[in-house]
C-alpha atoms as a PDB file:
ATOM      1  CA  UNK A   1      18.937 -20.260 -22.061  1.00  0.00           C
ATOM      2  CA  UNK A   2      19.208 -18.417 -18.746  1.00  0.00           C
ATOM      3  CA  UNK A   3      19.181 -20.334 -15.356  1.00  0.00           C
ATOM      4  CA  UNK A   4      16.125 -19.995 -13.759  1.00  0.00           C
ATOM      5  CA  UNK A   5      13.672 -21.388 -11.137  1.00  0.00           C
ATOM      6  CA  UNK A   6       9.941 -21.202 -11.587  1.00  0.00           C
ATOM      7  CA  UNK A   7       7.683 -22.152  -8.767  1.00  0.00           C
ATOM      8  CA  UNK A   8       4.221 -22.995  -9.202  1.00  0.00           C
ATOM      9  CA  UNK A   9       1.103 -24.396  -7.195  1.00  0.00           C
ATOM     10  CA  UNK A  10      -2.117 -25.841  -8.530  1.00  0.00           C
ATOM     11  CA  UNK A  11      -5.339 -23.772  -8.204  1.00  0.00           C
ATOM     12  CA  UNK A  12      -6.802 -26.417  -5.985  1.00  0.00           C
ATOM     13  CA  UNK A  13      -3.992 -26.103  -3.704  1.00  0.00           C
ATOM     14  CA  UNK A  14      -3.229 -29.923  -3.760  1.00  0.00           C
ATOM     15  CA  UNK A  15       0.124 -29.714  -5.822  1.00  0.00           C
ATOM     16  CA  UNK A  16       3.169 -27.702  -6.000  1.00  0.00           C
ATOM     17  CA  UNK A  17       6.033 -27.719  -8.439  1.00  0.00           C
ATOM     18  CA  UNK A  18       9.157 -26.206  -8.690  1.00  0.00           C
ATOM     19  CA  UNK A  19      11.414 -26.247 -12.028  1.00  0.00           C
ATOM     20  CA  UNK A  20      14.876 -25.330 -12.682  1.00  0.00           C
ATOM     21  CA  UNK A  21      16.892 -24.740 -15.774  1.00  0.00           C
ATOM     22  CA  UNK A  22      20.388 -25.257 -14.683  1.00  0.00           C
ATOM     23  CA  UNK A  23      22.809 -25.724 -18.082  1.00  0.00           C
ATOM     24  CA  UNK A  24      24.961 -22.855 -17.123  1.00  0.00           C
ATOM     25  CA  UNK A  25      25.526 -24.010 -13.324  1.00  0.00           C
ATOM     26  CA  UNK A  26      26.400 -27.371 -14.685  1.00  0.00           C
ATOM     27  CA  UNK A  27      28.712 -26.330 -17.214  1.00  0.00           C
ATOM     28  CA  UNK A  28      30.613 -23.997 -14.953  1.00  0.00           C
ATOM     29  CA  UNK A  29      30.659 -27.132 -12.421  1.00  0.00           C
ATOM     30  CA  UNK A  30      32.194 -29.034 -15.236  1.00  0.00           C
ATOM     31  CA  UNK A  31      34.712 -26.573 -15.989  1.00  0.00           C
ATOM     32  CA  UNK A  32      35.790 -26.287 -12.495  1.00  0.00           C
ATOM     33  CA  UNK A  33      36.065 -29.967 -11.658  1.00  0.00           C
ATOM     34  CA  UNK A  34      36.850 -31.115 -15.112  1.00  0.00           C
ATOM     35  CA  UNK A  35      34.290 -33.709 -15.118  1.00  0.00           C
ATOM     36  CA  UNK A  36      34.020 -36.589 -17.823  1.00  0.00           C
ATOM     37  CA  UNK A  37      30.681 -37.190 -19.055  1.00  0.00           C
ATOM     38  CA  UNK A  38      29.474 -39.594 -16.558  1.00  0.00           C
ATOM     39  CA  UNK A  39      30.643 -37.406 -13.696  1.00  0.00           C
ATOM     40  CA  UNK A  40      29.196 -34.562 -15.527  1.00  0.00           C
ATOM     41  CA  UNK A  41      25.706 -36.194 -15.455  1.00  0.00           C
ATOM     42  CA  UNK A  42      26.173 -37.323 -11.987  1.00  0.00           C
ATOM     43  CA  UNK A  43      27.163 -33.776 -10.494  1.00  0.00           C
ATOM     44  CA  UNK A  44      24.756 -31.603 -12.653  1.00  0.00           C
ATOM     45  CA  UNK A  45      21.886 -34.017 -11.739  1.00  0.00           C
ATOM     46  CA  UNK A  46      22.628 -33.441  -7.886  1.00  0.00           C
ATOM     47  CA  UNK A  47      23.379 -29.742  -8.301  1.00  0.00           C
ATOM     48  CA  UNK A  48      19.974 -29.206  -9.998  1.00  0.00           C
ATOM     49  CA  UNK A  49      17.856 -31.276  -7.493  1.00  0.00           C
ATOM     50  CA  UNK A  50      19.877 -29.290  -4.487  1.00  0.00           C
ATOM     51  CA  UNK A  51      18.909 -25.985  -6.109  1.00  0.00           C
ATOM     52  CA  UNK A  52      15.272 -26.752  -6.526  1.00  0.00           C
ATOM     53  CA  UNK A  53      14.884 -28.244  -2.820  1.00  0.00           C
ATOM     54  CA  UNK A  54      17.139 -25.325  -1.298  1.00  0.00           C
ATOM     55  CA  UNK A  55      14.656 -22.853  -3.150  1.00  0.00           C
ATOM     56  CA  UNK A  56      11.705 -24.561  -1.414  1.00  0.00           C
ATOM     57  CA  UNK A  57      13.142 -23.461   2.318  1.00  0.00           C
ATOM     58  CA  UNK A  58      11.208 -21.043   4.241  1.00  0.00           C
ATOM     59  CA  UNK A  59      13.901 -19.099   5.680  1.00  0.00           C
ATOM     60  CA  UNK A  60      16.222 -16.806   4.138  1.00  0.00           C
ATOM     61  CA  UNK A  61      18.970 -18.164   6.666  1.00  0.00           C
ATOM     62  CA  UNK A  62      18.526 -21.519   5.366  1.00  0.00           C
ATOM     63  CA  UNK A  63      20.939 -24.003   3.581  1.00  0.00           C
ATOM     64  CA  UNK A  64      20.202 -27.392   2.106  1.00  0.00           C
ATOM     65  CA  UNK A  65      23.294 -30.224   1.512  1.00  0.00           C
ATOM     66  CA  UNK A  66      22.670 -33.348  -0.546  1.00  0.00           C
ATOM     67  CA  UNK A  67      25.270 -35.702  -0.190  1.00  0.00           C
ATOM     68  CA  UNK A  68      25.727 -39.128  -2.240  1.00  0.00           C
ATOM     69  CA  UNK A  69      28.196 -41.366  -0.538  1.00  0.00           C
ATOM     70  CA  UNK A  70      28.197 -44.334  -3.240  1.00  0.00           C
ATOM     71  CA  UNK A  71      30.022 -47.487  -3.509  1.00  0.00           C
ATOM     72  CA  UNK A  72      30.753 -46.833  -7.122  1.00  0.00           C
ATOM     73  CA  UNK A  73      33.736 -45.418  -8.865  1.00  0.00           C
ATOM     74  CA  UNK A  74      32.466 -41.972  -8.633  1.00  0.00           C
ATOM     75  CA  UNK A  75      32.590 -41.809  -4.512  1.00  0.00           C
ATOM     76  CA  UNK A  76      31.217 -38.750  -2.879  1.00  0.00           C
ATOM     77  CA  UNK A  77      28.976 -36.343  -4.850  1.00  0.00           C
ATOM     78  CA  UNK A  78      27.940 -33.252  -2.864  1.00  0.00           C
ATOM     79  CA  UNK A  79      25.689 -30.035  -3.198  1.00  0.00           C
ATOM     80  CA  UNK A  80      24.999 -27.132  -1.331  1.00  0.00           C
ATOM     81  CA  UNK A  81      22.288 -24.480  -1.911  1.00  0.00           C
ATOM     82  CA  UNK A  82      21.156 -21.434  -0.096  1.00  0.00           C
ATOM     83  CA  UNK A  83      17.195 -20.176   0.009  1.00  0.00           C
ATOM     84  CA  UNK A  84      17.253 -18.522  -3.260  1.00  0.00           C
ATOM     85  CA  UNK A  85      18.747 -22.060  -5.127  1.00  0.00           C
ATOM     86  CA  UNK A  86      22.086 -20.736  -5.509  1.00  0.00           C
ATOM     87  CA  UNK A  87      24.587 -24.051  -5.418  1.00  0.00           C
ATOM     88  CA  UNK A  88      27.893 -25.645  -5.532  1.00  0.00           C
ATOM     89  CA  UNK A  89      29.070 -28.815  -5.593  1.00  0.00           C
ATOM     90  CA  UNK A  90      32.050 -31.323  -5.306  1.00  0.00           C
ATOM     91  CA  UNK A  91      32.816 -34.561  -6.874  1.00  0.00           C
ATOM     92  CA  UNK A  92      35.300 -37.134  -5.781  1.00  0.00           C
ATOM     93  CA  UNK A  93      36.316 -38.450  -8.592  1.00  0.00           C
ATOM     94  CA  UNK A  94      35.426 -36.321 -11.626  1.00  0.00           C
ATOM     95  CA  UNK A  95      37.369 -38.345 -14.238  1.00  0.00           C
ATOM     96  CA  UNK A  96      34.846 -41.257 -14.325  1.00  0.00           C
ATOM     97  CA  UNK A  97      33.105 -42.021 -17.718  1.00  0.00           C
ATOM     98  CA  UNK A  98      30.997 -45.246 -18.319  1.00  0.00           C
ATOM     99  CA  UNK A  99      30.170 -47.062 -21.138  1.00  0.00           C
ATOM    100  CA  UNK A 100      26.629 -45.868 -22.347  1.00  0.00           C
ATOM    101  CA  UNK A 101      23.506 -48.032 -21.174  1.00  0.00           C
ATOM    102  CA  UNK A 102      21.996 -50.111 -24.157  1.00  0.00           C
ATOM    103  CA  UNK A 103      19.369 -47.251 -24.568  1.00  0.00           C
ATOM    104  CA  UNK A 104      22.128 -44.726 -25.028  1.00  0.00           C
ATOM    105  CA  UNK A 105      21.939 -43.018 -21.841  1.00  0.00           C
ATOM    106  CA  UNK A 106      24.948 -42.113 -19.366  1.00  0.00           C
ATOM    107  CA  UNK A 107      25.209 -44.744 -16.794  1.00  0.00           C
ATOM    108  CA  UNK A 108      24.934 -42.727 -13.755  1.00  0.00           C
ATOM    109  CA  UNK A 109      23.651 -45.398 -11.479  1.00  0.00           C
ATOM    110  CA  UNK A 110      26.614 -47.637 -12.090  1.00  0.00           C
ATOM    111  CA  UNK A 111      28.978 -44.853 -11.485  1.00  0.00           C
ATOM    112  CA  UNK A 112      27.387 -43.930  -8.369  1.00  0.00           C
ATOM    113  CA  UNK A 113      26.786 -47.583  -7.113  1.00  0.00           C
ATOM    114  CA  UNK A 114      25.085 -48.618  -3.897  1.00  0.00           C
ATOM    115  CA  UNK A 115      25.198 -46.242  -0.479  1.00  0.00           C
ATOM    116  CA  UNK A 116      23.370 -43.581   1.109  1.00  0.00           C
ATOM    117  CA  UNK A 117      21.714 -40.453   0.307  1.00  0.00           C
ATOM    118  CA  UNK A 118      22.135 -37.868   3.278  1.00  0.00           C
ATOM    119  CA  UNK A 119      20.077 -34.706   3.233  1.00  0.00           C
ATOM    120  CA  UNK A 120      20.957 -31.893   5.730  1.00  0.00           C
ATOM    121  CA  UNK A 121      18.742 -28.920   6.376  1.00  0.00           C
ATOM    122  CA  UNK A 122      20.164 -26.005   8.118  1.00  0.00           C
ATOM    123  CA  UNK A 123      17.615 -23.380   8.943  1.00  0.00           C
ATOM    124  CA  UNK A 124      20.111 -20.989  10.555  1.00  0.00           C
ATOM    125  CA  UNK A 125      18.121 -21.036  13.988  1.00  0.00           C
ATOM    126  CA  UNK A 126      19.140 -24.103  15.571  1.00  0.00           C
ATOM    127  CA  UNK A 127      20.270 -27.654  15.253  1.00  0.00           C
ATOM    128  CA  UNK A 128      20.105 -28.758  11.611  1.00  0.00           C
ATOM    129  CA  UNK A 129      17.945 -31.557  10.579  1.00  0.00           C
ATOM    130  CA  UNK A 130      20.027 -34.550   9.132  1.00  0.00           C
ATOM    131  CA  UNK A 131      18.127 -37.707   7.196  1.00  0.00           C
ATOM    132  CA  UNK A 132      19.566 -40.511   5.409  1.00  0.00           C
ATOM    133  CA  UNK A 133      18.228 -43.360   3.070  1.00  0.00           C
ATOM    134  CA  UNK A 134      19.620 -45.905   1.010  1.00  0.00           C
ATOM    135  CA  UNK A 135      20.038 -45.233  -2.726  1.00  0.00           C
ATOM    136  CA  UNK A 136      17.396 -46.372  -4.765  1.00  0.00           C
ATOM    137  CA  UNK A 137      19.128 -46.847  -7.981  1.00  0.00           C
ATOM    138  CA  UNK A 138      22.141 -44.284  -8.102  1.00  0.00           C
ATOM    139  CA  UNK A 139      20.156 -42.171 -10.813  1.00  0.00           C
ATOM    140  CA  UNK A 140      19.768 -39.388  -8.383  1.00  0.00           C
ATOM    141  CA  UNK A 141      16.133 -38.565  -9.285  1.00  0.00           C
ATOM    142  CA  UNK A 142      14.650 -41.866  -8.178  1.00  0.00           C
ATOM    143  CA  UNK A 143      16.787 -41.399  -4.838  1.00  0.00           C
ATOM    144  CA  UNK A 144      15.068 -38.046  -4.265  1.00  0.00           C
ATOM    145  CA  UNK A 145      11.887 -39.369  -4.677  1.00  0.00           C
ATOM    146  CA  UNK A 146      12.796 -42.156  -2.406  1.00  0.00           C
ATOM    147  CA  UNK A 147      14.319 -39.955   0.284  1.00  0.00           C
ATOM    148  CA  UNK A 148      10.593 -37.896   0.265  1.00  0.00           C
ATOM    149  CA  UNK A 149       8.711 -40.879   0.649  1.00  0.00           C
ATOM    150  CA  UNK A 150      10.959 -42.608   3.396  1.00  0.00           C
ATOM    151  CA  UNK A 151      11.975 -39.561   5.166  1.00  0.00           C
ATOM    152  CA  UNK A 152       9.129 -36.980   5.062  1.00  0.00           C
ATOM    153  CA  UNK A 153       6.261 -38.971   4.060  1.00  0.00           C
ATOM    154  CA  UNK A 154       5.532 -36.598   0.880  1.00  0.00           C
ATOM    155  CA  UNK A 155       4.345 -37.978  -2.178  1.00  0.00           C
ATOM    156  CA  UNK A 156       7.190 -36.728  -4.793  1.00  0.00           C
ATOM    157  CA  UNK A 157       7.843 -36.818  -8.419  1.00  0.00           C
ATOM    158  CA  UNK A 158      11.455 -35.756  -9.329  1.00  0.00           C
ATOM    159  CA  UNK A 159      12.850 -35.494 -13.027  1.00  0.00           C
ATOM    160  CA  UNK A 160      16.446 -34.429 -13.723  1.00  0.00           C
ATOM    161  CA  UNK A 161      18.324 -34.323 -16.686  1.00  0.00           C
ATOM    162  CA  UNK A 162      21.855 -33.445 -18.061  1.00  0.00           C
ATOM    163  CA  UNK A 163      22.410 -33.458 -21.834  1.00  0.00           C
ATOM    164  CA  UNK A 164      26.240 -33.983 -22.637  1.00  0.00           C
ATOM    165  CA  UNK A 165      27.526 -32.400 -25.917  1.00  0.00           C
ATOM    166  CA  UNK A 166      30.167 -34.348 -28.119  1.00  0.00           C
ATOM    167  CA  UNK A 167      32.702 -31.927 -26.914  1.00  0.00           C
ATOM    168  CA  UNK A 168      32.039 -33.054 -23.170  1.00  0.00           C
ATOM    169  CA  UNK A 169      30.393 -29.513 -22.255  1.00  0.00           C
ATOM    170  CA  UNK A 170      26.989 -29.430 -21.164  1.00  0.00           C
ATOM    171  CA  UNK A 171      24.652 -28.930 -23.536  1.00  0.00           C
ATOM    172  CA  UNK A 172      21.254 -28.802 -21.461  1.00  0.00           C
ATOM    173  CA  UNK A 173      20.374 -29.388 -17.748  1.00  0.00           C
ATOM    174  CA  UNK A 174      17.704 -29.133 -15.413  1.00  0.00           C
ATOM    175  CA  UNK A 175      14.784 -30.508 -13.329  1.00  0.00           C
ATOM    176  CA  UNK A 176      11.472 -30.584 -11.985  1.00  0.00           C
ATOM    177  CA  UNK A 177      10.164 -31.370  -8.419  1.00  0.00           C
ATOM    178  CA  UNK A 178       6.329 -32.134  -8.080  1.00  0.00           C
ATOM    179  CA  UNK A 179       4.708 -32.485  -4.396  1.00  0.00           C
ATOM    180  CA  UNK A 180       1.442 -33.698  -3.499  1.00  0.00           C
ATOM    181  CA  UNK A 181       0.119 -31.955  -0.493  1.00  0.00           C
ATOM    182  CA  UNK A 182      -2.361 -33.326   2.168  1.00  0.00           C
ATOM    183  CA  UNK A 183      -5.821 -34.128   1.186  1.00  0.00           C
ATOM    184  CA  UNK A 184      -5.154 -34.153  -2.566  1.00  0.00           C
ATOM    185  CA  UNK A 185      -8.099 -35.904  -4.591  1.00  0.00           C
ATOM    186  CA  UNK A 186      -7.622 -39.011  -6.218  1.00  0.00           C
ATOM    187  CA  UNK A 187      -8.428 -37.189  -9.711  1.00  0.00           C
ATOM    188  CA  UNK A 188      -5.401 -35.251  -9.085  1.00  0.00           C
ATOM    189  CA  UNK A 189      -3.170 -37.891  -7.870  1.00  0.00           C
ATOM    190  CA  UNK A 190      -4.184 -40.000 -11.378  1.00  0.00           C
ATOM    191  CA  UNK A 191      -3.405 -37.356 -13.456  1.00  0.00           C
ATOM    192  CA  UNK A 192       0.181 -36.506 -11.869  1.00  0.00           C
ATOM    193  CA  UNK A 193       0.956 -40.380 -12.186  1.00  0.00           C
ATOM    194  CA  UNK A 194      -0.144 -39.978 -15.884  1.00  0.00           C
ATOM    195  CA  UNK A 195       2.078 -36.896 -16.892  1.00  0.00           C
ATOM    196  CA  UNK A 196       4.963 -38.418 -15.024  1.00  0.00           C
ATOM    197  CA  UNK A 197       5.332 -40.580 -17.798  1.00  0.00           C
ATOM    198  CA  UNK A 198       6.073 -37.904 -20.236  1.00  0.00           C
ATOM    199  CA  UNK A 199       9.068 -36.640 -18.294  1.00  0.00           C
ATOM    200  CA  UNK A 200      11.172 -39.718 -18.880  1.00  0.00           C
ATOM    201  CA  UNK A 201      13.368 -37.643 -21.175  1.00  0.00           C
ATOM    202  CA  UNK A 202      13.587 -34.338 -19.609  1.00  0.00           C
ATOM    203  CA  UNK A 203      17.272 -33.479 -20.665  1.00  0.00           C
ATOM    204  CA  UNK A 204      16.140 -33.869 -24.335  1.00  0.00           C
ATOM    205  CA  UNK A 205      13.179 -31.673 -23.696  1.00  0.00           C
ATOM    206  CA  UNK A 206      15.513 -29.044 -22.123  1.00  0.00           C
ATOM    207  CA  UNK A 207      17.984 -29.617 -25.092  1.00  0.00           C
ATOM    208  CA  UNK A 208      15.038 -28.892 -27.780  1.00  0.00           C
ATOM    209  CA  UNK A 209      14.271 -25.501 -26.015  1.00  0.00           C
ATOM    210  CA  UNK A 210      11.453 -26.210 -23.605  1.00  0.00           C
ATOM    211  CA  UNK A 211      11.687 -23.434 -20.855  1.00  0.00           C
ATOM    212  CA  UNK A 212      10.611 -24.177 -17.193  1.00  0.00           C
ATOM    213  CA  UNK A 213       7.065 -23.036 -18.067  1.00  0.00           C
ATOM    214  CA  UNK A 214       6.616 -25.268 -20.579  1.00  0.00           C
ATOM    215  CA  UNK A 215       8.144 -28.549 -18.632  1.00  0.00           C
ATOM    216  CA  UNK A 216       5.564 -27.730 -16.068  1.00  0.00           C
ATOM    217  CA  UNK A 217       2.833 -27.361 -18.460  1.00  0.00           C
ATOM    218  CA  UNK A 218       3.572 -31.246 -19.236  1.00  0.00           C
ATOM    219  CA  UNK A 219       3.982 -32.327 -15.364  1.00  0.00           C
ATOM    220  CA  UNK A 220       0.707 -30.390 -14.630  1.00  0.00           C
ATOM    221  CA  UNK A 221      -1.388 -31.202 -18.040  1.00  0.00           C
ATOM    222  CA  UNK A 222      -4.960 -30.948 -17.596  1.00  0.00           C
ATOM    223  CA  UNK A 223      -4.468 -29.628 -13.915  1.00  0.00           C
ATOM    224  CA  UNK A 224      -4.994 -25.468 -13.496  1.00  0.00           C
ATOM    225  CA  UNK A 225      -1.895 -23.690 -12.029  1.00  0.00           C
ATOM    226  CA  UNK A 226      -0.130 -20.538 -11.386  1.00  0.00           C
ATOM    227  CA  UNK A 227       3.158 -19.339 -11.519  1.00  0.00           C
ATOM    228  CA  UNK A 228       4.025 -17.569  -8.205  1.00  0.00           C
ATOM    229  CA  UNK A 229       7.680 -17.009  -8.404  1.00  0.00           C
ATOM    230  CA  UNK A 230      10.534 -16.857 -11.084  1.00  0.00           C
ATOM    231  CA  UNK A 231      13.919 -16.331  -9.945  1.00  0.00           C
ATOM    232  CA  UNK A 232      17.056 -15.628 -12.150  1.00  0.00           C
END
């Protein structure tokens, strides 16, 4: 599956969404940085999030930086995106690989540890805006959600996934960001909250062949919407 970003808006104007398939980006980063599985998952999730948020910028001069400074063994994890969602990243300690959690998932939260998420938005036309929040869990998706709630007061659903194959390559990676706009009605909010439960295994969804549109269909089930942009 080719890396791609899809952007959508519900027809009532209450919700905007962006989805990214990023398997190629994450695999290339793994090869460059020689990451082990837990480090691959952490860097891949941050790259996917940064690509989506970078693509949401309103200026072609803009850039977005996401930096995680955690107290866990991974150290600093960094991603930078332009307005098209083209992203690059860095991880301080790429050779980190922790035992799996009891549910069989990679333990990204323990590898990241407690710390801060720093966000820098540079429009290219003046002083960059920066914000910092404490990490919620180190699992990255929850930390992005927490950043939007605390720093920008925007109700946000973020789902990120990286599926690592038995040979340590990236088998599947991607993510979804859904944001409620001002004056969203209670029915729409209830539907988004209901649908969020179905996105808990997004890496498996991507690995099974679901594309961005199919994943958006899950997130926005029973809410009419239109795709308005697709970027390769």
